[in-house]
Amino acid sequence: MVNTKITIQETTNDTIIKLNSNTILINGGSYEFNNIDEAKNSPLAQQLFYLPFVKKIFVTANFIAIQRFDIVEWKDVQEEVKEQIEAYLNEGNVVVNEEKVSKKEPIEVYAEVTPNPAVMKFGTNKALTQTDVEFKNIDEASESSPLALALFNFPFVKEVFISDNYLSITKYDMVEWNEVYGEVRTFIREYLAEGKTIIKELPKEELVAEGVKAPVQEKLELEGVAAQIVDILDEYIKPAVAGDGGNIAFRAYDEQNKVVSVILQGACSGCPSSTATLKNGIENLLKEMLPNQVNEVVAING
């Protein structure tokens, strides 16, 4: 039984709203439709185009963005659109007929060393996910990601982190990366070229400390200083650490003690230089951009 929930998110463009889904809509990548003729492979988009105010539709793995014509305001119609999409999805209907339109696309996968000697970054020219996901073991992967599950079949794979267009893989010490990275790179390229499922369901929980799990905190729920912190991390920090195959995710802000808690993912997790990155990079930046609001940044999993 599908139980999809849609939440409405405003954007900086008042003609566009995002409708976020708690379930996976398509298998990676994205689709843009400018009219009903372009949407032949998407029954949902075709249905939405029958609404006279719908101008453009953008579909990703976990949200649908819709641009409207000026004949209405979103506040007058957004609930109707949300309910229509929820009903469509909960009936088990297809969002995009990907298998009918997919072409054998040339897949490129390249391997990059990271500051963490245990982690190798595998970049690709294919979009993998709209939401960062991390798997600490094969059990976590078995519920959510067929690609991560397949990678755990390599005996040396310890952890898998999947971001928008790259994977960071953490290995056990039984091998050196120069002995195995070629095999892993070939496997990933062939897997993606065959169009296999990357992520079938977003994890409902995220590891935040050894033996402890907590729900992912949605950015939509944040406000005030916490929301400002997330915006700074997204704009200034994440692009830099992503280049090294890592990610730093916001977890919480203690307003009383002015302490920011983050989670280290991918190459950042267990990296020898992560402490310096936290203190000299993130902490100093937040103190500078949010005067008197941040005393310390701590990683609750490292």
C-alpha atoms as a PDB file:
ATOM      1  CA  MET A   1       0.000   0.000   0.000  1.00  0.00           C
ATOM      2  CA  VAL A   2       1.543   3.274  -1.134  1.00  0.00           C
ATOM      3  CA  ASN A   3       1.393   6.036   1.464  1.00  0.00           C
ATOM      4  CA  THR A   4       2.769   9.081  -0.264  1.00  0.00           C
ATOM      5  CA  LYS A   5       2.571  12.449   1.460  1.00  0.00           C
ATOM      6  CA  ILE A   6       3.139  15.698  -0.415  1.00  0.00           C
ATOM      7  CA  THR A   7       4.321  18.872   1.287  1.00  0.00           C
ATOM      8  CA  ILE A   8       4.204  22.293  -0.337  1.00  0.00           C
ATOM      9  CA  GLN A   9       7.327  24.456  -0.389  1.00  0.00           C
ATOM     10  CA  GLU A  10       7.477  28.008  -1.668  1.00  0.00           C
ATOM     11  CA  THR A  11      10.425  29.053  -3.853  1.00  0.00           C
ATOM     12  CA  THR A  12      12.163  32.352  -4.542  1.00  0.00           C
ATOM     13  CA  ASN A  13      10.084  32.578  -7.742  1.00  0.00           C
ATOM     14  CA  ASP A  14       6.472  33.233  -6.724  1.00  0.00           C
ATOM     15  CA  THR A  15       5.193  31.574  -9.909  1.00  0.00           C
ATOM     16  CA  ILE A  16       6.806  28.248  -8.951  1.00  0.00           C
ATOM     17  CA  ILE A  17       6.055  25.886  -6.071  1.00  0.00           C
ATOM     18  CA  LYS A  18       7.802  22.667  -5.085  1.00  0.00           C
ATOM     19  CA  LEU A  19       5.723  19.691  -4.052  1.00  0.00           C
ATOM     20  CA  ASN A  20       8.014  17.442  -2.029  1.00  0.00           C
ATOM     21  CA  SER A  21       7.301  13.716  -1.788  1.00  0.00           C
ATOM     22  CA  ASN A  22       8.228  11.342   1.022  1.00  0.00           C
ATOM     23  CA  THR A  23       8.568   8.527  -1.525  1.00  0.00           C
ATOM     24  CA  ILE A  24      10.744   8.134  -4.612  1.00  0.00           C
ATOM     25  CA  LEU A  25       8.997   9.374  -7.756  1.00  0.00           C
ATOM     26  CA  ILE A  26      11.493   8.398 -10.478  1.00  0.00           C
ATOM     27  CA  ASN A  27      14.754   6.481 -10.651  1.00  0.00           C
ATOM     28  CA  GLY A  28      17.332   9.280 -10.652  1.00  0.00           C
ATOM     29  CA  GLY A  29      17.723  12.072 -13.168  1.00  0.00           C
ATOM     30  CA  SER A  30      15.019  14.654 -13.885  1.00  0.00           C
ATOM     31  CA  TYR A  31      12.428  15.569 -16.515  1.00  0.00           C
ATOM     32  CA  GLU A  32      11.183  18.952 -17.697  1.00  0.00           C
ATOM     33  CA  PHE A  33       7.918  19.390 -19.605  1.00  0.00           C
ATOM     34  CA  ASN A  34       6.886  22.668 -21.232  1.00  0.00           C
ATOM     35  CA  ASN A  35       3.528  21.490 -22.582  1.00  0.00           C
ATOM     36  CA  ILE A  36       1.250  18.468 -22.757  1.00  0.00           C
ATOM     37  CA  ASP A  37       2.830  17.175 -25.980  1.00  0.00           C
ATOM     38  CA  GLU A  38       6.272  16.992 -24.369  1.00  0.00           C
ATOM     39  CA  ALA A  39       4.719  15.062 -21.455  1.00  0.00           C
ATOM     40  CA  LYS A  40       3.684  12.003 -23.479  1.00  0.00           C
ATOM     41  CA  ASN A  41       5.879   9.752 -21.323  1.00  0.00           C
ATOM     42  CA  SER A  42       4.471  11.169 -18.060  1.00  0.00           C
ATOM     43  CA  PRO A  43       0.802  10.404 -17.312  1.00  0.00           C
ATOM     44  CA  LEU A  44       0.967  12.573 -14.183  1.00  0.00           C
ATOM     45  CA  ALA A  45       2.373  15.595 -16.024  1.00  0.00           C
ATOM     46  CA  GLN A  46      -0.258  15.192 -18.748  1.00  0.00           C
ATOM     47  CA  GLN A  47      -2.981  15.184 -16.103  1.00  0.00           C
ATOM     48  CA  LEU A  48      -1.549  18.312 -14.479  1.00  0.00           C
ATOM     49  CA  PHE A  49      -1.380  20.150 -17.819  1.00  0.00           C
ATOM     50  CA  TYR A  50      -5.188  19.902 -18.034  1.00  0.00           C
ATOM     51  CA  LEU A  51      -5.224  22.453 -15.217  1.00  0.00           C
ATOM     52  CA  PRO A  52      -5.447  25.745 -17.153  1.00  0.00           C
ATOM     53  CA  PHE A  53      -2.911  27.567 -14.973  1.00  0.00           C
ATOM     54  CA  VAL A  54      -0.068  25.026 -15.320  1.00  0.00           C
ATOM     55  CA  LYS A  55       2.730  26.411 -17.489  1.00  0.00           C
ATOM     56  CA  LYS A  56       5.737  24.140 -16.881  1.00  0.00           C
ATOM     57  CA  ILE A  57       6.464  20.959 -14.874  1.00  0.00           C
ATOM     58  CA  PHE A  58       9.799  19.704 -13.549  1.00  0.00           C
ATOM     59  CA  VAL A  59      10.008  16.170 -12.078  1.00  0.00           C
ATOM     60  CA  THR A  60      12.872  14.805  -9.967  1.00  0.00           C
ATOM     61  CA  ALA A  61      13.343  11.808  -7.696  1.00  0.00           C
ATOM     62  CA  ASN A  62      11.620  13.371  -4.709  1.00  0.00           C
ATOM     63  CA  PHE A  63       9.801  16.524  -5.784  1.00  0.00           C
ATOM     64  CA  ILE A  64       7.688  18.052  -8.540  1.00  0.00           C
ATOM     65  CA  ALA A  65       8.075  21.749  -9.328  1.00  0.00           C
ATOM     66  CA  ILE A  66       5.238  23.489 -11.160  1.00  0.00           C
ATOM     67  CA  GLN A  67       5.272  26.927 -12.748  1.00  0.00           C
ATOM     68  CA  ARG A  68       1.933  28.707 -13.157  1.00  0.00           C
ATOM     69  CA  PHE A  69       0.541  31.246 -15.560  1.00  0.00           C
ATOM     70  CA  ASP A  70      -0.476  34.583 -14.039  1.00  0.00           C
ATOM     71  CA  ILE A  71      -4.204  33.841 -14.198  1.00  0.00           C
ATOM     72  CA  VAL A  72      -4.179  32.532 -10.588  1.00  0.00           C
ATOM     73  CA  GLU A  73      -2.180  32.804  -7.371  1.00  0.00           C
ATOM     74  CA  TRP A  74      -0.708  29.643  -5.853  1.00  0.00           C
ATOM     75  CA  LYS A  75      -2.397  30.273  -2.504  1.00  0.00           C
ATOM     76  CA  ASP A  76      -5.750  29.807  -4.249  1.00  0.00           C
ATOM     77  CA  VAL A  77      -4.994  26.483  -5.962  1.00  0.00           C
ATOM     78  CA  GLN A  78      -1.968  24.807  -4.359  1.00  0.00           C
ATOM     79  CA  GLU A  79      -3.972  22.631  -1.950  1.00  0.00           C
ATOM     80  CA  GLU A  80      -6.070  21.316  -4.848  1.00  0.00           C
ATOM     81  CA  VAL A  81      -2.898  20.460  -6.806  1.00  0.00           C
ATOM     82  CA  LYS A  82      -1.312  18.794  -3.778  1.00  0.00           C
ATOM     83  CA  GLU A  83      -4.380  16.616  -3.181  1.00  0.00           C
ATOM     84  CA  GLN A  84      -4.576  15.666  -6.852  1.00  0.00           C
ATOM     85  CA  ILE A  85      -0.936  14.536  -6.907  1.00  0.00           C
ATOM     86  CA  GLU A  86      -1.267  12.629  -3.618  1.00  0.00           C
ATOM     87  CA  ALA A  87      -4.367  10.797  -4.858  1.00  0.00           C
ATOM     88  CA  TYR A  88      -2.655   9.928  -8.149  1.00  0.00           C
ATOM     89  CA  LEU A  89       0.437   8.527  -6.434  1.00  0.00           C
ATOM     90  CA  ASN A  90      -1.438   6.622  -3.740  1.00  0.00           C
ATOM     91  CA  GLU A  91      -3.340   4.756  -6.427  1.00  0.00           C
ATOM     92  CA  GLY A  92       0.024   3.348  -7.531  1.00  0.00           C
ATOM     93  CA  ASN A  93       0.103   5.213 -10.840  1.00  0.00           C
ATOM     94  CA  VAL A  94       3.320   5.827 -12.779  1.00  0.00           C
ATOM     95  CA  VAL A  95       4.914   9.279 -12.705  1.00  0.00           C
ATOM     96  CA  VAL A  96       7.141   8.825 -15.766  1.00  0.00           C
ATOM     97  CA  ASN A  97       7.350   5.828 -18.093  1.00  0.00           C
ATOM     98  CA  GLU A  98      11.141   5.831 -17.949  1.00  0.00           C
ATOM     99  CA  GLU A  99      11.674   2.489 -19.645  1.00  0.00           C
ATOM    100  CA  LYS A 100       9.791   3.666 -22.741  1.00  0.00           C
ATOM    101  CA  VAL A 101      11.866   6.768 -23.318  1.00  0.00           C
ATOM    102  CA  SER A 102      15.239   5.833 -21.924  1.00  0.00           C
ATOM    103  CA  LYS A 103      18.024   5.698 -24.437  1.00  0.00           C
ATOM    104  CA  LYS A 104      21.317   3.916 -23.975  1.00  0.00           C
ATOM    105  CA  GLU A 105      23.135   6.930 -22.652  1.00  0.00           C
ATOM    106  CA  PRO A 106      26.929   7.000 -22.558  1.00  0.00           C
ATOM    107  CA  ILE A 107      27.910   6.760 -18.904  1.00  0.00           C
ATOM    108  CA  GLU A 108      31.200   8.127 -17.671  1.00  0.00           C
ATOM    109  CA  VAL A 109      32.558   7.236 -14.248  1.00  0.00           C
ATOM    110  CA  TYR A 110      35.820   8.601 -12.911  1.00  0.00           C
ATOM    111  CA  ALA A 111      37.627   7.845  -9.662  1.00  0.00           C
ATOM    112  CA  GLU A 112      39.146  10.548  -7.462  1.00  0.00           C
ATOM    113  CA  VAL A 113      41.203  10.253  -4.313  1.00  0.00           C
ATOM    114  CA  THR A 114      39.948  12.193  -1.295  1.00  0.00           C
ATOM    115  CA  PRO A 115      41.621  13.631   1.817  1.00  0.00           C
ATOM    116  CA  ASN A 116      40.363  10.523   3.610  1.00  0.00           C
ATOM    117  CA  PRO A 117      42.619   7.598   2.576  1.00  0.00           C
ATOM    118  CA  ALA A 118      39.835   5.095   3.277  1.00  0.00           C
ATOM    119  CA  VAL A 119      37.415   6.793   0.868  1.00  0.00           C
ATOM    120  CA  MET A 120      37.373   6.973  -2.919  1.00  0.00           C
ATOM    121  CA  LYS A 121      35.021   9.277  -4.810  1.00  0.00           C
ATOM    122  CA  PHE A 122      33.381   7.979  -7.992  1.00  0.00           C
ATOM    123  CA  GLY A 123      31.948  10.823 -10.059  1.00  0.00           C
ATOM    124  CA  THR A 124      29.564  10.338 -12.965  1.00  0.00           C
ATOM    125  CA  ASN A 125      27.804  12.327 -15.696  1.00  0.00           C
ATOM    126  CA  LYS A 126      24.442  10.848 -14.621  1.00  0.00           C
ATOM    127  CA  ALA A 127      22.257  12.383 -11.913  1.00  0.00           C
ATOM    128  CA  LEU A 128      21.957   9.826  -9.121  1.00  0.00           C
ATOM    129  CA  THR A 129      19.762  11.381  -6.447  1.00  0.00           C
ATOM    130  CA  GLN A 130      18.182  14.663  -5.392  1.00  0.00           C
ATOM    131  CA  THR A 131      18.637  13.799  -1.714  1.00  0.00           C
ATOM    132  CA  ASP A 132      21.961  12.730  -0.167  1.00  0.00           C
ATOM    133  CA  VAL A 133      21.786   9.229   1.306  1.00  0.00           C
ATOM    134  CA  GLU A 134      24.322   7.315   3.378  1.00  0.00           C
ATOM    135  CA  PHE A 135      24.454   3.592   4.135  1.00  0.00           C
ATOM    136  CA  LYS A 136      26.628   2.315   6.968  1.00  0.00           C
ATOM    137  CA  ASN A 137      25.977  -1.364   6.268  1.00  0.00           C
ATOM    138  CA  ILE A 138      24.288  -3.810   3.927  1.00  0.00           C
ATOM    139  CA  ASP A 139      21.095  -3.960   6.010  1.00  0.00           C
ATOM    140  CA  GLU A 140      20.461  -0.240   5.589  1.00  0.00           C
ATOM    141  CA  ALA A 141      21.105  -0.517   1.838  1.00  0.00           C
ATOM    142  CA  SER A 142      18.812  -3.513   1.384  1.00  0.00           C
ATOM    143  CA  GLU A 143      15.773  -1.414   2.308  1.00  0.00           C
ATOM    144  CA  SER A 144      16.511   1.592   0.124  1.00  0.00           C
ATOM    145  CA  SER A 145      19.160   1.344  -2.579  1.00  0.00           C
ATOM    146  CA  PRO A 146      19.764  -1.568  -4.969  1.00  0.00           C
ATOM    147  CA  LEU A 147      22.961   0.155  -6.148  1.00  0.00           C
ATOM    148  CA  ALA A 148      24.395   0.455  -2.636  1.00  0.00           C
ATOM    149  CA  LEU A 149      23.315  -3.111  -1.898  1.00  0.00           C
ATOM    150  CA  ALA A 150      25.201  -4.330  -4.961  1.00  0.00           C
ATOM    151  CA  LEU A 151      28.319  -2.412  -3.903  1.00  0.00           C
ATOM    152  CA  PHE A 152      28.258  -4.042  -0.467  1.00  0.00           C
ATOM    153  CA  ASN A 153      28.785  -7.365  -2.241  1.00  0.00           C
ATOM    154  CA  PHE A 154      32.387  -6.293  -2.634  1.00  0.00           C
ATOM    155  CA  PRO A 155      33.934  -7.650   0.589  1.00  0.00           C
ATOM    156  CA  PHE A 156      36.073  -4.556   1.106  1.00  0.00           C
ATOM    157  CA  VAL A 157      33.181  -2.041   0.969  1.00  0.00           C
ATOM    158  CA  LYS A 158      32.407  -0.650   4.430  1.00  0.00           C
ATOM    159  CA  GLU A 159      30.104   2.345   3.741  1.00  0.00           C
ATOM    160  CA  VAL A 160      28.413   3.967   0.738  1.00  0.00           C
ATOM    161  CA  PHE A 161      27.380   7.624   0.379  1.00  0.00           C
ATOM    162  CA  ILE A 162      25.345   8.695  -2.684  1.00  0.00           C
ATOM    163  CA  SER A 163      25.024  12.352  -3.666  1.00  0.00           C
ATOM    164  CA  ASP A 164      23.711  14.151  -6.741  1.00  0.00           C
ATOM    165  CA  ASN A 165      26.340  12.971  -9.241  1.00  0.00           C
ATOM    166  CA  TYR A 166      28.860  10.960  -7.271  1.00  0.00           C
ATOM    167  CA  LEU A 167      29.343   8.122  -4.814  1.00  0.00           C
ATOM    168  CA  SER A 168      31.850   8.040  -1.978  1.00  0.00           C
ATOM    169  CA  ILE A 169      32.829   4.537  -0.921  1.00  0.00           C
ATOM    170  CA  THR A 170      34.625   3.756   2.329  1.00  0.00           C
ATOM    171  CA  LYS A 171      36.729   0.590   2.356  1.00  0.00           C
ATOM    172  CA  TYR A 172      38.036  -1.723   5.013  1.00  0.00           C
ATOM    173  CA  ASP A 173      41.816  -1.891   5.453  1.00  0.00           C
ATOM    174  CA  MET A 174      42.048  -5.328   3.803  1.00  0.00           C
ATOM    175  CA  VAL A 175      42.915  -3.748   0.425  1.00  0.00           C
ATOM    176  CA  GLU A 176      44.387  -0.567  -1.012  1.00  0.00           C
ATOM    177  CA  TRP A 177      42.321   1.524  -3.388  1.00  0.00           C
ATOM    178  CA  ASN A 178      44.911   1.256  -6.164  1.00  0.00           C
ATOM    179  CA  GLU A 179      44.232  -2.485  -6.216  1.00  0.00           C
ATOM    180  CA  VAL A 180      40.446  -2.314  -6.583  1.00  0.00           C
ATOM    181  CA  TYR A 181      39.221   1.100  -7.750  1.00  0.00           C
ATOM    182  CA  GLY A 182      39.252   0.058 -11.434  1.00  0.00           C
ATOM    183  CA  GLU A 183      36.966  -2.889 -10.755  1.00  0.00           C
ATOM    184  CA  VAL A 184      34.555  -0.727  -8.741  1.00  0.00           C
ATOM    185  CA  ARG A 185      34.526   2.009 -11.382  1.00  0.00           C
ATOM    186  CA  THR A 186      33.703  -0.508 -14.143  1.00  0.00           C
ATOM    187  CA  PHE A 187      30.947  -2.037 -12.027  1.00  0.00           C
ATOM    188  CA  ILE A 188      29.316   1.343 -11.354  1.00  0.00           C
ATOM    189  CA  ARG A 189      29.512   2.378 -15.020  1.00  0.00           C
ATOM    190  CA  GLU A 190      27.900  -0.869 -16.224  1.00  0.00           C
ATOM    191  CA  TYR A 191      25.214  -0.703 -13.528  1.00  0.00           C
ATOM    192  CA  LEU A 192      24.235   2.836 -14.520  1.00  0.00           C
ATOM    193  CA  ALA A 193      24.428   2.125 -18.264  1.00  0.00           C
ATOM    194  CA  GLU A 194      21.901  -0.689 -17.838  1.00  0.00           C
ATOM    195  CA  GLY A 195      19.463   1.768 -16.267  1.00  0.00           C
ATOM    196  CA  LYS A 196      19.087  -0.196 -13.058  1.00  0.00           C
ATOM    197  CA  THR A 197      17.420   1.330 -10.002  1.00  0.00           C
ATOM    198  CA  ILE A 198      19.683   3.549  -7.912  1.00  0.00           C
ATOM    199  CA  ILE A 199      17.391   4.369  -4.981  1.00  0.00           C
ATOM    200  CA  LYS A 200      13.945   2.858  -4.570  1.00  0.00           C
ATOM    201  CA  GLU A 201      13.024   4.485  -1.262  1.00  0.00           C
ATOM    202  CA  LEU A 202      14.492   7.265   0.855  1.00  0.00           C
ATOM    203  CA  PRO A 203      15.764   6.028   4.232  1.00  0.00           C
ATOM    204  CA  LYS A 204      13.348   6.985   7.010  1.00  0.00           C
ATOM    205  CA  GLU A 205      16.130   7.338   9.549  1.00  0.00           C
ATOM    206  CA  GLU A 206      19.666   8.587   9.476  1.00  0.00           C
ATOM    207  CA  LEU A 207      22.606   7.413  11.583  1.00  0.00           C
ATOM    208  CA  VAL A 208      23.704  10.250  13.830  1.00  0.00           C
ATOM    209  CA  ALA A 209      25.947   8.477  16.318  1.00  0.00           C
ATOM    210  CA  GLU A 210      27.108   4.963  16.960  1.00  0.00           C
ATOM    211  CA  GLY A 211      24.103   2.885  17.883  1.00  0.00           C
ATOM    212  CA  VAL A 212      21.732   5.857  17.850  1.00  0.00           C
ATOM    213  CA  LYS A 213      19.204   6.749  15.167  1.00  0.00           C
ATOM    214  CA  ALA A 214      17.081   9.837  14.769  1.00  0.00           C
ATOM    215  CA  PRO A 215      14.664  11.123  12.122  1.00  0.00           C
ATOM    216  CA  VAL A 216      16.026  13.355   9.420  1.00  0.00           C
ATOM    217  CA  GLN A 217      15.183  16.984  10.207  1.00  0.00           C
ATOM    218  CA  GLU A 218      13.416  18.616   7.281  1.00  0.00           C
ATOM    219  CA  LYS A 219      14.656  22.016   6.202  1.00  0.00           C
ATOM    220  CA  LEU A 220      11.022  23.043   5.802  1.00  0.00           C
ATOM    221  CA  GLU A 221      10.586  22.892   9.581  1.00  0.00           C
ATOM    222  CA  LEU A 222      13.508  25.197  10.303  1.00  0.00           C
ATOM    223  CA  GLU A 223      13.316  28.899  10.972  1.00  0.00           C
ATOM    224  CA  GLY A 224      15.381  31.702  12.430  1.00  0.00           C
ATOM    225  CA  VAL A 225      19.078  31.064  13.059  1.00  0.00           C
ATOM    226  CA  ALA A 226      18.783  27.341  12.266  1.00  0.00           C
ATOM    227  CA  ALA A 227      17.441  28.118   8.784  1.00  0.00           C
ATOM    228  CA  GLN A 228      20.240  30.656   8.244  1.00  0.00           C
ATOM    229  CA  ILE A 229      22.821  28.059   9.240  1.00  0.00           C
ATOM    230  CA  VAL A 230      21.421  25.566   6.723  1.00  0.00           C
ATOM    231  CA  ASP A 231      21.489  28.198   3.974  1.00  0.00           C
ATOM    232  CA  ILE A 232      25.156  29.024   4.730  1.00  0.00           C
ATOM    233  CA  LEU A 233      26.114  25.340   4.761  1.00  0.00           C
ATOM    234  CA  ASP A 234      24.314  24.781   1.437  1.00  0.00           C
ATOM    235  CA  GLU A 235      25.876  27.790  -0.287  1.00  0.00           C
ATOM    236  CA  TYR A 236      29.417  27.905   1.075  1.00  0.00           C
ATOM    237  CA  ILE A 237      30.345  24.580   2.668  1.00  0.00           C
ATOM    238  CA  LYS A 238      28.654  21.751   0.805  1.00  0.00           C
ATOM    239  CA  PRO A 239      30.051  22.570  -2.660  1.00  0.00           C
ATOM    240  CA  ALA A 240      33.583  22.613  -1.245  1.00  0.00           C
ATOM    241  CA  VAL A 241      33.390  19.329   0.657  1.00  0.00           C
ATOM    242  CA  ALA A 242      31.481  17.669  -2.207  1.00  0.00           C
ATOM    243  CA  GLY A 243      34.547  18.243  -4.354  1.00  0.00           C
ATOM    244  CA  ASP A 244      36.394  15.950  -1.966  1.00  0.00           C
ATOM    245  CA  GLY A 245      33.623  13.347  -1.924  1.00  0.00           C
ATOM    246  CA  GLY A 246      32.143  14.381   1.409  1.00  0.00           C
ATOM    247  CA  ASN A 247      29.130  16.058   2.931  1.00  0.00           C
ATOM    248  CA  ILE A 248      28.334  17.915   6.132  1.00  0.00           C
ATOM    249  CA  ALA A 249      24.652  17.756   7.044  1.00  0.00           C
ATOM    250  CA  PHE A 250      22.956  20.013   9.576  1.00  0.00           C
ATOM    251  CA  ARG A 251      21.425  18.187  12.531  1.00  0.00           C
ATOM    252  CA  ALA A 252      20.496  20.734  15.214  1.00  0.00           C
ATOM    253  CA  TYR A 253      21.066  24.181  16.684  1.00  0.00           C
ATOM    254  CA  ASP A 254      21.152  24.652  20.465  1.00  0.00           C
ATOM    255  CA  GLU A 255      19.952  28.234  20.778  1.00  0.00           C
ATOM    256  CA  GLN A 256      20.758  28.481  24.486  1.00  0.00           C
ATOM    257  CA  ASN A 257      24.384  27.362  24.187  1.00  0.00           C
ATOM    258  CA  LYS A 258      24.765  28.510  20.572  1.00  0.00           C
ATOM    259  CA  VAL A 259      26.132  25.117  19.490  1.00  0.00           C
ATOM    260  CA  VAL A 260      25.639  23.785  15.960  1.00  0.00           C
ATOM    261  CA  SER A 261      25.549  19.990  15.553  1.00  0.00           C
ATOM    262  CA  VAL A 262      26.372  18.447  12.187  1.00  0.00           C
ATOM    263  CA  ILE A 263      26.807  14.990  10.696  1.00  0.00           C
ATOM    264  CA  LEU A 264      29.894  14.048   8.704  1.00  0.00           C
ATOM    265  CA  GLN A 265      29.144  11.914   5.650  1.00  0.00           C
ATOM    266  CA  GLY A 266      31.061  10.319   2.805  1.00  0.00           C
ATOM    267  CA  ALA A 267      34.748  11.194   2.763  1.00  0.00           C
ATOM    268  CA  CYS A 268      34.279  13.596   5.698  1.00  0.00           C
ATOM    269  CA  SER A 269      33.327  10.751   8.035  1.00  0.00           C
ATOM    270  CA  GLY A 270      36.450   9.533   9.788  1.00  0.00           C
ATOM    271  CA  CYS A 271      38.677  11.846   7.775  1.00  0.00           C
ATOM    272  CA  PRO A 272      41.879  12.917   9.619  1.00  0.00           C
ATOM    273  CA  SER A 273      41.361  16.518   8.478  1.00  0.00           C
ATOM    274  CA  SER A 274      37.664  16.744   9.398  1.00  0.00           C
ATOM    275  CA  THR A 275      38.347  18.335  12.800  1.00  0.00           C
ATOM    276  CA  ALA A 276      40.344  21.120  11.169  1.00  0.00           C
ATOM    277  CA  THR A 277      37.581  21.587   8.594  1.00  0.00           C
ATOM    278  CA  LEU A 278      34.988  21.917  11.346  1.00  0.00           C
ATOM    279  CA  LYS A 279      36.955  24.359  13.492  1.00  0.00           C
ATOM    280  CA  ASN A 280      38.936  26.387  10.957  1.00  0.00           C
ATOM    281  CA  GLY A 281      36.362  26.280   8.188  1.00  0.00           C
ATOM    282  CA  ILE A 282      32.746  25.884   9.220  1.00  0.00           C
ATOM    283  CA  GLU A 283      32.930  27.250  12.745  1.00  0.00           C
ATOM    284  CA  ASN A 284      34.855  30.362  11.748  1.00  0.00           C
ATOM    285  CA  LEU A 285      32.560  31.012   8.785  1.00  0.00           C
ATOM    286  CA  LEU A 286      29.383  30.710  10.854  1.00  0.00           C
ATOM    287  CA  LYS A 287      30.813  32.953  13.590  1.00  0.00           C
ATOM    288  CA  GLU A 288      31.698  35.550  10.970  1.00  0.00           C
ATOM    289  CA  MET A 289      28.374  35.429   9.121  1.00  0.00           C
ATOM    290  CA  LEU A 290      26.174  35.049  12.216  1.00  0.00           C
ATOM    291  CA  PRO A 291      27.837  37.253  14.857  1.00  0.00           C
ATOM    292  CA  ASN A 292      27.080  36.284  18.472  1.00  0.00           C
ATOM    293  CA  GLN A 293      24.883  33.394  17.333  1.00  0.00           C
ATOM    294  CA  VAL A 294      27.425  30.539  17.136  1.00  0.00           C
ATOM    295  CA  ASN A 295      29.930  29.510  19.818  1.00  0.00           C
ATOM    296  CA  GLU A 296      30.899  26.083  18.541  1.00  0.00           C
ATOM    297  CA  VAL A 297      30.327  23.511  15.790  1.00  0.00           C
ATOM    298  CA  VAL A 298      30.426  19.834  16.780  1.00  0.00           C
ATOM    299  CA  ALA A 299      30.142  16.646  14.768  1.00  0.00           C
ATOM    300  CA  ILE A 300      27.925  14.167  16.575  1.00  0.00           C
ATOM    301  CA  ASN A 301      29.285  11.216  14.648  1.00  0.00           C
ATOM    302  CA  GLY A 302      32.987  12.055  14.610  1.00  0.00           C
END
